[in-house]
Structure formats: C-alpha cells, structure tokens
Amino acid sequence: SNIVPWQLLAERTGARLRYVPVTGDSGLLDLTGLDDLLAGA
C-alpha cells in the first residue's frame, strides 16, 4: 500500500523511485547513505 500508489504516480509523472535498504534478517534500515538517497527527492 505504500509502494503501488507511488509507482502509479511515477508512471503518470515521470518521477523516479528510490529505496532505503534493509540490512538483511536484522530488519533495520541502513541509513548510512540516506543523505545521498534524499538528494532530489
């Protein structure tokens, strides 16, 4: 529910999707590269 609506928006507008990675089975967000991922968002 928090992926598909944004995929549809990207298709309508030409926007691009990026994802903050998950660190495997430990289930935590890997925030080390968040500043780069936020660029242009």
Full PDB file with SEQRES, HELIX, SHEET, SSBOND, CRYST1, ORIGX, SCALE, CONECT and MASTER records, all heavy atoms in Angstrom:
SEQRES   1 A   41  SER ASN ILE VAL PRO TRP GLN LEU LEU ALA GLU ARG THR          
SEQRES   2 A   41  GLY ALA ARG LEU ARG TYR VAL PRO VAL THR GLY ASP SER          
SEQRES   3 A   41  GLY LEU LEU ASP LEU THR GLY LEU ASP ASP LEU LEU ALA          
SEQRES   4 A   41  GLY ALA                                                      
HELIX    1 AA1 VAL A    4  THR A   13  1                                  10    
HELIX    2 AA2 GLY A   24  SER A   26  5                                   3    
HELIX    3 AA3 LEU A   34  LEU A   38  1                                   5    
CRYST1    1.000    1.000    1.000  90.00  90.00  90.00 P 1           1          
ORIGX1      1.000000  0.000000  0.000000        0.00000                         
ORIGX2      0.000000  1.000000  0.000000        0.00000                         
ORIGX3      0.000000  0.000000  1.000000        0.00000                         
SCALE1      1.000000  0.000000  0.000000        0.00000                         
SCALE2      0.000000  1.000000  0.000000        0.00000                         
SCALE3      0.000000  0.000000  1.000000        0.00000                         
ATOM      1  N   SER A   1       0.815  -1.216   0.000  1.00  0.00           N  
ATOM      2  CA  SER A   1       0.000   0.000   0.000  1.00  0.00           C  
ATOM      3  C   SER A   1       0.845   1.259   0.000  1.00  0.00           C  
ATOM      4  O   SER A   1       0.337   2.335  -0.363  1.00  0.00           O  
ATOM      5  CB  SER A   1      -0.929   0.006   1.222  1.00  0.00           C  
ATOM      6  OG  SER A   1      -1.900  -1.003   1.120  1.00  0.00           O  
ATOM      7  N   ASN A   2       2.108   1.143   0.419  1.00  0.00           N  
ATOM      8  CA  ASN A   2       2.992   2.290   0.402  1.00  0.00           C  
ATOM      9  C   ASN A   2       4.063   2.154  -0.680  1.00  0.00           C  
ATOM     10  O   ASN A   2       5.108   2.798  -0.616  1.00  0.00           O  
ATOM     11  CB  ASN A   2       3.662   2.501   1.769  1.00  0.00           C  
ATOM     12  CG  ASN A   2       4.103   3.939   1.984  1.00  0.00           C  
ATOM     13  OD1 ASN A   2       3.548   4.871   1.410  1.00  0.00           O  
ATOM     14  ND2 ASN A   2       5.120   4.120   2.817  1.00  0.00           N  
ATOM     15  N   ILE A   3       3.790   1.317  -1.667  1.00  0.00           N  
ATOM     16  CA  ILE A   3       4.641   1.188  -2.852  1.00  0.00           C  
ATOM     17  C   ILE A   3       3.842   1.455  -4.116  1.00  0.00           C  
ATOM     18  O   ILE A   3       4.195   2.319  -4.927  1.00  0.00           O  
ATOM     19  CB  ILE A   3       5.300  -0.207  -2.926  1.00  0.00           C  
ATOM     20  CG1 ILE A   3       6.269  -0.424  -1.755  1.00  0.00           C  
ATOM     21  CG2 ILE A   3       6.029  -0.385  -4.256  1.00  0.00           C  
ATOM     22  CD1 ILE A   3       6.905  -1.806  -1.732  1.00  0.00           C  
ATOM     23  N   VAL A   4       2.734   0.714  -4.271  1.00  0.00           N  
ATOM     24  CA  VAL A   4       1.986   0.760  -5.529  1.00  0.00           C  
ATOM     25  C   VAL A   4       1.466   2.163  -5.866  1.00  0.00           C  
ATOM     26  O   VAL A   4       1.586   2.605  -7.021  1.00  0.00           O  
ATOM     27  CB  VAL A   4       0.848  -0.277  -5.518  1.00  0.00           C  
ATOM     28  CG1 VAL A   4       0.017  -0.181  -6.796  1.00  0.00           C  
ATOM     29  CG2 VAL A   4       1.414  -1.687  -5.358  1.00  0.00           C  
ATOM     30  N   PRO A   5       0.877   2.917  -4.921  1.00  0.00           N  
ATOM     31  CA  PRO A   5       0.420   4.272  -5.291  1.00  0.00           C  
ATOM     32  C   PRO A   5       1.546   5.164  -5.807  1.00  0.00           C  
ATOM     33  O   PRO A   5       1.322   5.995  -6.696  1.00  0.00           O  
ATOM     34  CB  PRO A   5      -0.164   4.817  -3.978  1.00  0.00           C  
ATOM     35  CG  PRO A   5      -0.533   3.601  -3.195  1.00  0.00           C  
ATOM     36  CD  PRO A   5       0.518   2.588  -3.523  1.00  0.00           C  
ATOM     37  N   TRP A   6       2.747   4.984  -5.281  1.00  0.00           N  
ATOM     38  CA  TRP A   6       3.881   5.801  -5.726  1.00  0.00           C  
ATOM     39  C   TRP A   6       4.420   5.311  -7.064  1.00  0.00           C  
ATOM     40  O   TRP A   6       4.900   6.127  -7.870  1.00  0.00           O  
ATOM     41  CB  TRP A   6       4.967   5.805  -4.653  1.00  0.00           C  
ATOM     42  CG  TRP A   6       4.414   6.172  -3.310  1.00  0.00           C  
ATOM     43  CD1 TRP A   6       4.391   5.416  -2.189  1.00  0.00           C  
ATOM     44  CD2 TRP A   6       3.765   7.411  -2.964  1.00  0.00           C  
ATOM     45  NE1 TRP A   6       3.778   6.087  -1.153  1.00  0.00           N  
ATOM     46  CE2 TRP A   6       3.387   7.314  -1.598  1.00  0.00           C  
ATOM     47  CE3 TRP A   6       3.481   8.586  -3.659  1.00  0.00           C  
ATOM     48  CZ2 TRP A   6       2.730   8.351  -0.932  1.00  0.00           C  
ATOM     49  CZ3 TRP A   6       2.830   9.614  -2.998  1.00  0.00           C  
ATOM     50  CH2 TRP A   6       2.462   9.491  -1.652  1.00  0.00           C  
ATOM     51  N   GLN A   7       4.336   4.005  -7.307  1.00  0.00           N  
ATOM     52  CA  GLN A   7       4.679   3.512  -8.641  1.00  0.00           C  
ATOM     53  C   GLN A   7       3.744   4.105  -9.692  1.00  0.00           C  
ATOM     54  O   GLN A   7       4.182   4.527 -10.773  1.00  0.00           O  
ATOM     55  CB  GLN A   7       4.595   1.982  -8.677  1.00  0.00           C  
ATOM     56  CG  GLN A   7       5.684   1.277  -7.888  1.00  0.00           C  
ATOM     57  CD  GLN A   7       5.507  -0.230  -7.885  1.00  0.00           C  
ATOM     58  OE1 GLN A   7       4.410  -0.743  -8.105  1.00  0.00           O  
ATOM     59  NE2 GLN A   7       6.580  -0.951  -7.600  1.00  0.00           N  
ATOM     60  N   LEU A   8       2.457   4.137  -9.375  1.00  0.00           N  
ATOM     61  CA  LEU A   8       1.492   4.710 -10.314  1.00  0.00           C  
ATOM     62  C   LEU A   8       1.739   6.193 -10.516  1.00  0.00           C  
ATOM     63  O   LEU A   8       1.632   6.712 -11.639  1.00  0.00           O  
ATOM     64  CB  LEU A   8       0.063   4.462  -9.797  1.00  0.00           C  
ATOM     65  CG  LEU A   8      -0.379   3.002  -9.719  1.00  0.00           C  
ATOM     66  CD1 LEU A   8      -1.742   2.899  -9.041  1.00  0.00           C  
ATOM     67  CD2 LEU A   8      -0.429   2.380 -11.112  1.00  0.00           C  
ATOM     68  N   LEU A   9       2.084   6.907  -9.432  1.00  0.00           N  
ATOM     69  CA  LEU A   9       2.404   8.328  -9.557  1.00  0.00           C  
ATOM     70  C   LEU A   9       3.639   8.518 -10.434  1.00  0.00           C  
ATOM     71  O   LEU A   9       3.677   9.431 -11.280  1.00  0.00           O  
ATOM     72  CB  LEU A   9       2.633   8.924  -8.169  1.00  0.00           C  
ATOM     73  CG  LEU A   9       3.088  10.390  -8.126  1.00  0.00           C  
ATOM     74  CD1 LEU A   9       2.055  11.309  -8.794  1.00  0.00           C  
ATOM     75  CD2 LEU A   9       3.373  10.830  -6.690  1.00  0.00           C  
ATOM     76  N   ALA A  10       4.650   7.685 -10.247  1.00  0.00           N  
ATOM     77  CA  ALA A  10       5.861   7.790 -11.066  1.00  0.00           C  
ATOM     78  C   ALA A  10       5.551   7.546 -12.542  1.00  0.00           C  
ATOM     79  O   ALA A  10       6.089   8.229 -13.428  1.00  0.00           O  
ATOM     80  CB  ALA A  10       6.911   6.798 -10.567  1.00  0.00           C  
ATOM     81  N   GLU A  11       4.669   6.596 -12.799  1.00  0.00           N  
ATOM     82  CA  GLU A  11       4.281   6.338 -14.194  1.00  0.00           C  
ATOM     83  C   GLU A  11       3.551   7.531 -14.796  1.00  0.00           C  
ATOM     84  O   GLU A  11       3.739   7.857 -15.971  1.00  0.00           O  
ATOM     85  CB  GLU A  11       3.398   5.091 -14.264  1.00  0.00           C  
ATOM     86  CG  GLU A  11       4.140   3.784 -13.974  1.00  0.00           C  
ATOM     87  CD  GLU A  11       3.189   2.604 -13.913  1.00  0.00           C  
ATOM     88  OE1 GLU A  11       1.975   2.792 -14.181  1.00  0.00           O  
ATOM     89  OE2 GLU A  11       3.656   1.487 -13.587  1.00  0.00           O  
ATOM     90  N   ARG A  12       2.720   8.197 -14.000  1.00  0.00           N  
ATOM     91  CA  ARG A  12       1.973   9.346 -14.510  1.00  0.00           C  
ATOM     92  C   ARG A  12       2.864  10.557 -14.753  1.00  0.00           C  
ATOM     93  O   ARG A  12       2.599  11.353 -15.659  1.00  0.00           O  
ATOM     94  CB  ARG A  12       0.863   9.743 -13.528  1.00  0.00           C  
ATOM     95  CG  ARG A  12      -0.259   8.747 -13.402  1.00  0.00           C  
ATOM     96  CD  ARG A  12      -1.468   9.349 -12.684  1.00  0.00           C  
ATOM     97  NE  ARG A  12      -1.182   9.870 -11.358  1.00  0.00           N  
ATOM     98  CZ  ARG A  12      -1.240   9.156 -10.240  1.00  0.00           C  
ATOM     99  NH1 ARG A  12      -1.550   7.873 -10.299  1.00  0.00           N  
ATOM    100  NH2 ARG A  12      -0.983   9.719  -9.062  1.00  0.00           N  
ATOM    101  N   THR A  13       3.885  10.714 -13.919  1.00  0.00           N  
ATOM    102  CA  THR A  13       4.627  11.971 -13.916  1.00  0.00           C  
ATOM    103  C   THR A  13       6.044  11.875 -14.471  1.00  0.00           C  
ATOM    104  O   THR A  13       6.659  12.899 -14.775  1.00  0.00           O  
ATOM    105  CB  THR A  13       4.726  12.510 -12.481  1.00  0.00           C  
ATOM    106  OG1 THR A  13       5.451  11.562 -11.676  1.00  0.00           O  
ATOM    107  CG2 THR A  13       3.344  12.745 -11.887  1.00  0.00           C  
ATOM    108  N   GLY A  14       6.574  10.665 -14.563  1.00  0.00           N  
ATOM    109  CA  GLY A  14       7.972  10.528 -14.947  1.00  0.00           C  
ATOM    110  C   GLY A  14       8.927  10.656 -13.786  1.00  0.00           C  
ATOM    111  O   GLY A  14      10.143  10.814 -13.977  1.00  0.00           O  
ATOM    112  N   ALA A  15       8.422  10.594 -12.574  1.00  0.00           N  
ATOM    113  CA  ALA A  15       9.280  10.609 -11.391  1.00  0.00           C  
ATOM    114  C   ALA A  15      10.011   9.272 -11.265  1.00  0.00           C  
ATOM    115  O   ALA A  15       9.675   8.284 -11.929  1.00  0.00           O  
ATOM    116  CB  ALA A  15       8.459  10.892 -10.140  1.00  0.00           C  
ATOM    117  N   ARG A  16      10.997   9.234 -10.379  1.00  0.00           N  
ATOM    118  CA  ARG A  16      11.795   8.033 -10.164  1.00  0.00           C  
ATOM    119  C   ARG A  16      11.660   7.568  -8.718  1.00  0.00           C  
ATOM    120  O   ARG A  16      11.503   8.384  -7.803  1.00  0.00           O  
ATOM    121  CB  ARG A  16      13.277   8.319 -10.465  1.00  0.00           C  
ATOM    122  CG  ARG A  16      13.563   8.649 -11.923  1.00  0.00           C  
ATOM    123  CD  ARG A  16      15.020   9.074 -12.113  1.00  0.00           C  
ATOM    124  NE  ARG A  16      15.289  10.356 -11.451  1.00  0.00           N  
ATOM    125  CZ  ARG A  16      16.379  10.605 -10.736  1.00  0.00           C  
ATOM    126  NH1 ARG A  16      17.276   9.657 -10.539  1.00  0.00           N  
ATOM    127  NH2 ARG A  16      16.566  11.801 -10.200  1.00  0.00           N  
ATOM    128  N   LEU A  17      11.720   6.254  -8.505  1.00  0.00           N  
ATOM    129  CA  LEU A  17      11.635   5.674  -7.169  1.00  0.00           C  
ATOM    130  C   LEU A  17      13.030   5.288  -6.677  1.00  0.00           C  
ATOM    131  O   LEU A  17      13.839   4.755  -7.442  1.00  0.00           O  
ATOM    132  CB  LEU A  17      10.735   4.443  -7.170  1.00  0.00           C  
ATOM    133  CG  LEU A  17       9.268   4.656  -7.553  1.00  0.00           C  
ATOM    134  CD1 LEU A  17       8.551   3.321  -7.592  1.00  0.00           C  
ATOM    135  CD2 LEU A  17       8.583   5.599  -6.591  1.00  0.00           C  
ATOM    136  N   ARG A  18      13.272   5.557  -5.413  1.00  0.00           N  
ATOM    137  CA  ARG A  18      14.469   5.063  -4.737  1.00  0.00           C  
ATOM    138  C   ARG A  18      14.043   4.389  -3.439  1.00  0.00           C  
ATOM    139  O   ARG A  18      12.973   4.687  -2.893  1.00  0.00           O  
ATOM    140  CB  ARG A  18      15.426   6.213  -4.398  1.00  0.00           C  
ATOM    141  CG  ARG A  18      16.195   6.798  -5.555  1.00  0.00           C  
ATOM    142  CD  ARG A  18      17.182   7.842  -5.030  1.00  0.00           C  
ATOM    143  NE  ARG A  18      17.724   8.654  -6.112  1.00  0.00           N  
ATOM    144  CZ  ARG A  18      18.119   9.904  -5.977  1.00  0.00           C  
ATOM    145  NH1 ARG A  18      18.033  10.489  -4.777  1.00  0.00           N  
ATOM    146  NH2 ARG A  18      18.602  10.574  -6.992  1.00  0.00           N  
ATOM    147  N   TYR A  19      14.937   3.525  -2.933  1.00  0.00           N  
ATOM    148  CA  TYR A  19      14.612   2.766  -1.724  1.00  0.00           C  
ATOM    149  C   TYR A  19      15.765   2.787  -0.731  1.00  0.00           C  
ATOM    150  O   TYR A  19      16.917   2.537  -1.097  1.00  0.00           O  
ATOM    151  CB  TYR A  19      14.272   1.310  -2.078  1.00  0.00           C  
ATOM    152  CG  TYR A  19      12.963   1.168  -2.816  1.00  0.00           C  
ATOM    153  CD1 TYR A  19      12.920   1.283  -4.209  1.00  0.00           C  
ATOM    154  CD2 TYR A  19      11.772   0.955  -2.131  1.00  0.00           C  
ATOM    155  CE1 TYR A  19      11.713   1.179  -4.889  1.00  0.00           C  
ATOM    156  CE2 TYR A  19      10.570   0.844  -2.806  1.00  0.00           C  
ATOM    157  CZ  TYR A  19      10.546   0.959  -4.181  1.00  0.00           C  
ATOM    158  OH  TYR A  19       9.358   0.857  -4.857  1.00  0.00           O  
ATOM    159  N   VAL A  20      15.431   3.067   0.523  1.00  0.00           N  
ATOM    160  CA  VAL A  20      16.390   2.903   1.608  1.00  0.00           C  
ATOM    161  C   VAL A  20      16.512   1.408   1.876  1.00  0.00           C  
ATOM    162  O   VAL A  20      15.497   0.733   2.100  1.00  0.00           O  
ATOM    163  CB  VAL A  20      15.922   3.631   2.879  1.00  0.00           C  
ATOM    164  CG1 VAL A  20      16.928   3.433   4.015  1.00  0.00           C  
ATOM    165  CG2 VAL A  20      15.703   5.116   2.599  1.00  0.00           C  
ATOM    166  N   PRO A  21      17.730   0.852   1.864  1.00  0.00           N  
ATOM    167  CA  PRO A  21      17.862  -0.605   2.003  1.00  0.00           C  
ATOM    168  C   PRO A  21      17.608  -1.098   3.424  1.00  0.00           C  
ATOM    169  O   PRO A  21      17.725  -0.355   4.405  1.00  0.00           O  
ATOM    170  CB  PRO A  21      19.310  -0.867   1.578  1.00  0.00           C  
ATOM    171  CG  PRO A  21      20.019   0.419   1.820  1.00  0.00           C  
ATOM    172  CD  PRO A  21      19.021   1.507   1.583  1.00  0.00           C  
ATOM    173  N   VAL A  22      17.264  -2.380   3.510  1.00  0.00           N  
ATOM    174  CA  VAL A  22      17.097  -3.095   4.774  1.00  0.00           C  
ATOM    175  C   VAL A  22      18.310  -3.997   4.963  1.00  0.00           C  
ATOM    176  O   VAL A  22      18.786  -4.633   4.015  1.00  0.00           O  
ATOM    177  CB  VAL A  22      15.799  -3.928   4.774  1.00  0.00           C  
ATOM    178  CG1 VAL A  22      15.722  -4.824   5.996  1.00  0.00           C  
ATOM    179  CG2 VAL A  22      14.580  -3.014   4.714  1.00  0.00           C  
ATOM    180  N   THR A  23      18.789  -4.064   6.191  1.00  0.00           N  
ATOM    181  CA  THR A  23      20.011  -4.819   6.474  1.00  0.00           C  
ATOM    182  C   THR A  23      19.699  -6.277   6.789  1.00  0.00           C  
ATOM    183  O   THR A  23      19.879  -6.745   7.920  1.00  0.00           O  
ATOM    184  CB  THR A  23      20.774  -4.192   7.652  1.00  0.00           C  
ATOM    185  OG1 THR A  23      19.892  -4.153   8.791  1.00  0.00           O  
ATOM    186  CG2 THR A  23      21.220  -2.787   7.324  1.00  0.00           C  
ATOM    187  N   GLY A  24      19.211  -7.016   5.799  1.00  0.00           N  
ATOM    188  CA  GLY A  24      19.015  -8.454   5.934  1.00  0.00           C  
ATOM    189  C   GLY A  24      18.054  -8.846   7.027  1.00  0.00           C  
ATOM    190  O   GLY A  24      17.112  -8.115   7.357  1.00  0.00           O  
ATOM    191  N   ASP A  25      18.308 -10.025   7.644  1.00  0.00           N  
ATOM    192  CA  ASP A  25      17.394 -10.580   8.633  1.00  0.00           C  
ATOM    193  C   ASP A  25      17.277  -9.706   9.877  1.00  0.00           C  
ATOM    194  O   ASP A  25      16.297  -9.807  10.613  1.00  0.00           O  
ATOM    195  CB  ASP A  25      17.847 -11.979   9.050  1.00  0.00           C  
ATOM    196  CG  ASP A  25      17.621 -13.019   7.958  1.00  0.00           C  
ATOM    197  OD1 ASP A  25      17.235 -12.618   6.843  1.00  0.00           O  
ATOM    198  OD2 ASP A  25      17.848 -14.211   8.225  1.00  0.00           O  
ATOM    199  N   SER A  26      18.260  -8.849  10.154  1.00  0.00           N  
ATOM    200  CA  SER A  26      18.187  -7.995  11.338  1.00  0.00           C  
ATOM    201  C   SER A  26      17.065  -6.975  11.235  1.00  0.00           C  
ATOM    202  O   SER A  26      16.599  -6.435  12.236  1.00  0.00           O  
ATOM    203  CB  SER A  26      19.512  -7.270  11.569  1.00  0.00           C  
ATOM    204  OG  SER A  26      19.779  -6.370  10.516  1.00  0.00           O  
ATOM    205  N   GLY A  27      16.625  -6.686   9.995  1.00  0.00           N  
ATOM    206  CA  GLY A  27      15.412  -5.908   9.797  1.00  0.00           C  
ATOM    207  C   GLY A  27      15.506  -4.442  10.091  1.00  0.00           C  
ATOM    208  O   GLY A  27      14.479  -3.783  10.282  1.00  0.00           O  
ATOM    209  N   LEU A  28      16.698  -3.873  10.116  1.00  0.00           N  
ATOM    210  CA  LEU A  28      16.851  -2.446  10.366  1.00  0.00           C  
ATOM    211  C   LEU A  28      17.122  -1.716   9.057  1.00  0.00           C  
ATOM    212  O   LEU A  28      17.664  -2.290   8.100  1.00  0.00           O  
ATOM    213  CB  LEU A  28      18.003  -2.188  11.337  1.00  0.00           C  
ATOM    214  CG  LEU A  28      17.868  -2.830  12.718  1.00  0.00           C  
ATOM    215  CD1 LEU A  28      19.139  -2.587  13.523  1.00  0.00           C  
ATOM    216  CD2 LEU A  28      16.653  -2.297  13.450  1.00  0.00           C  
ATOM    217  N   LEU A  29      16.744  -0.455   8.995  1.00  0.00           N  
ATOM    218  CA  LEU A  29      17.068   0.360   7.838  1.00  0.00           C  
ATOM    219  C   LEU A  29      18.554   0.720   7.867  1.00  0.00           C  
ATOM    220  O   LEU A  29      19.091   1.099   8.912  1.00  0.00           O  
ATOM    221  CB  LEU A  29      16.228   1.639   7.826  1.00  0.00           C  
ATOM    222  CG  LEU A  29      14.730   1.488   7.583  1.00  0.00           C  
ATOM    223  CD1 LEU A  29      14.055   2.849   7.647  1.00  0.00           C  
ATOM    224  CD2 LEU A  29      14.447   0.822   6.237  1.00  0.00           C  
ATOM    225  N   ASP A  30      19.196   0.609   6.702  1.00  0.00           N  
ATOM    226  CA  ASP A  30      20.576   1.055   6.558  1.00  0.00           C  
ATOM    227  C   ASP A  30      20.540   2.532   6.178  1.00  0.00           C  
ATOM    228  O   ASP A  30      20.280   2.887   5.030  1.00  0.00           O  
ATOM    229  CB  ASP A  30      21.280   0.232   5.477  1.00  0.00           C  
ATOM    230  CG  ASP A  30      22.729   0.652   5.280  1.00  0.00           C  
ATOM    231  OD1 ASP A  30      23.168   1.613   5.942  1.00  0.00           O  
ATOM    232  OD2 ASP A  30      23.415   0.029   4.451  1.00  0.00           O  
ATOM    233  N   LEU A  31      20.797   3.385   7.156  1.00  0.00           N  
ATOM    234  CA  LEU A  31      20.667   4.831   6.967  1.00  0.00           C  
ATOM    235  C   LEU A  31      21.999   5.510   6.654  1.00  0.00           C  
ATOM    236  O   LEU A  31      22.064   6.746   6.606  1.00  0.00           O  
ATOM    237  CB  LEU A  31      20.049   5.462   8.218  1.00  0.00           C  
ATOM    238  CG  LEU A  31      18.649   4.945   8.590  1.00  0.00           C  
ATOM    239  CD1 LEU A  31      18.189   5.571   9.908  1.00  0.00           C  
ATOM    240  CD2 LEU A  31      17.647   5.225   7.486  1.00  0.00           C  
ATOM    241  N   THR A  32      23.030   4.712   6.401  1.00  0.00           N  
ATOM    242  CA  THR A  32      24.347   5.312   6.171  1.00  0.00           C  
ATOM    243  C   THR A  32      24.378   6.176   4.921  1.00  0.00           C  
ATOM    244  O   THR A  32      25.120   7.158   4.857  1.00  0.00           O  
ATOM    245  CB  THR A  32      25.427   4.225   6.078  1.00  0.00           C  
ATOM    246  OG1 THR A  32      25.056   3.279   5.042  1.00  0.00           O  
ATOM    247  CG2 THR A  32      25.574   3.486   7.406  1.00  0.00           C  
ATOM    248  N   GLY A  33      23.578   5.838   3.907  1.00  0.00           N  
ATOM    249  CA  GLY A  33      23.564   6.612   2.673  1.00  0.00           C  
ATOM    250  C   GLY A  33      22.323   7.449   2.488  1.00  0.00           C  
ATOM    251  O   GLY A  33      21.995   7.844   1.363  1.00  0.00           O  
ATOM    252  N   LEU A  34      21.610   7.747   3.602  1.00  0.00           N  
ATOM    253  CA  LEU A  34      20.324   8.423   3.480  1.00  0.00           C  
ATOM    254  C   LEU A  34      20.446   9.808   2.840  1.00  0.00           C  
ATOM    255  O   LEU A  34      19.596  10.186   2.017  1.00  0.00           O  
ATOM    256  CB  LEU A  34      19.660   8.544   4.853  1.00  0.00           C  
ATOM    257  CG  LEU A  34      18.289   9.227   4.858  1.00  0.00           C  
ATOM    258  CD1 LEU A  34      17.299   8.481   3.970  1.00  0.00           C  
ATOM    259  CD2 LEU A  34      17.749   9.345   6.282  1.00  0.00           C  
ATOM    260  N   ASP A  35      21.482  10.555   3.180  1.00  0.00           N  
ATOM    261  CA  ASP A  35      21.605  11.899   2.620  1.00  0.00           C  
ATOM    262  C   ASP A  35      21.699  11.858   1.096  1.00  0.00           C  
ATOM    263  O   ASP A  35      21.098  12.688   0.404  1.00  0.00           O  
ATOM    264  CB  ASP A  35      22.827  12.607   3.202  1.00  0.00           C  
ATOM    265  CG  ASP A  35      22.631  13.005   4.662  1.00  0.00           C  
ATOM    266  OD1 ASP A  35      21.464  13.086   5.084  1.00  0.00           O  
ATOM    267  OD2 ASP A  35      23.629  13.212   5.356  1.00  0.00           O  
ATOM    268  N   ASP A  36      22.438  10.896   0.568  1.00  0.00           N  
ATOM    269  CA  ASP A  36      22.529  10.760  -0.887  1.00  0.00           C  
ATOM    270  C   ASP A  36      21.186  10.338  -1.482  1.00  0.00           C  
ATOM    271  O   ASP A  36      20.795  10.825  -2.550  1.00  0.00           O  
ATOM    272  CB  ASP A  36      23.608   9.739  -1.261  1.00  0.00           C  
ATOM    273  CG  ASP A  36      25.016  10.233  -0.954  1.00  0.00           C  
ATOM    274  OD1 ASP A  36      25.205  11.462  -0.893  1.00  0.00           O  
ATOM    275  OD2 ASP A  36      25.909   9.391  -0.761  1.00  0.00           O  
ATOM    276  N   LEU A  37      20.476   9.446  -0.797  1.00  0.00           N  
ATOM    277  CA  LEU A  37      19.177   8.989  -1.302  1.00  0.00           C  
ATOM    278  C   LEU A  37      18.152  10.116  -1.299  1.00  0.00           C  
ATOM    279  O   LEU A  37      17.248  10.157  -2.138  1.00  0.00           O  
ATOM    280  CB  LEU A  37      18.674   7.818  -0.455  1.00  0.00           C  
ATOM    281  CG  LEU A  37      19.446   6.505  -0.593  1.00  0.00           C  
ATOM    282  CD1 LEU A  37      19.006   5.515   0.481  1.00  0.00           C  
ATOM    283  CD2 LEU A  37      19.235   5.899  -1.981  1.00  0.00           C  
ATOM    284  N   LEU A  38      18.268  11.046  -0.348  1.00  0.00           N  
ATOM    285  CA  LEU A  38      17.328  12.160  -0.260  1.00  0.00           C  
ATOM    286  C   LEU A  38      17.568  13.222  -1.334  1.00  0.00           C  
ATOM    287  O   LEU A  38      16.677  14.036  -1.605  1.00  0.00           O  
ATOM    288  CB  LEU A  38      17.428  12.821   1.115  1.00  0.00           C  
ATOM    289  CG  LEU A  38      16.796  12.055   2.292  1.00  0.00           C  
ATOM    290  CD1 LEU A  38      17.212  12.676   3.616  1.00  0.00           C  
ATOM    291  CD2 LEU A  38      15.277  12.008   2.173  1.00  0.00           C  
ATOM    292  N   ALA A  39      18.728  13.209  -1.965  1.00  0.00           N  
ATOM    293  CA  ALA A  39      19.041  14.221  -2.976  1.00  0.00           C  
ATOM    294  C   ALA A  39      18.045  14.158  -4.129  1.00  0.00           C  
ATOM    295  O   ALA A  39      17.853  13.108  -4.737  1.00  0.00           O  
ATOM    296  CB  ALA A  39      20.460  14.015  -3.494  1.00  0.00           C  
ATOM    297  N   GLY A  40      17.391  15.273  -4.406  1.00  0.00           N  
ATOM    298  CA  GLY A  40      16.431  15.335  -5.496  1.00  0.00           C  
ATOM    299  C   GLY A  40      15.056  14.789  -5.173  1.00  0.00           C  
ATOM    300  O   GLY A  40      14.175  14.751  -6.038  1.00  0.00           O  
ATOM    301  N   ALA A  41      14.850  14.370  -3.926  1.00  0.00           N  
ATOM    302  CA  ALA A  41      13.558  13.783  -3.558  1.00  0.00           C  
ATOM    303  C   ALA A  41      12.523  14.875  -3.325  1.00  0.00           C  
ATOM    304  O   ALA A  41      12.816  15.944  -2.790  1.00  0.00           O  
ATOM    305  CB  ALA A  41      13.705  12.924  -2.308  1.00  0.00           C  
TER     306      ALA A  41                                                      
MASTER        0    0    0    3    0    0    0    6  305    1    0    4          
END                                                                             
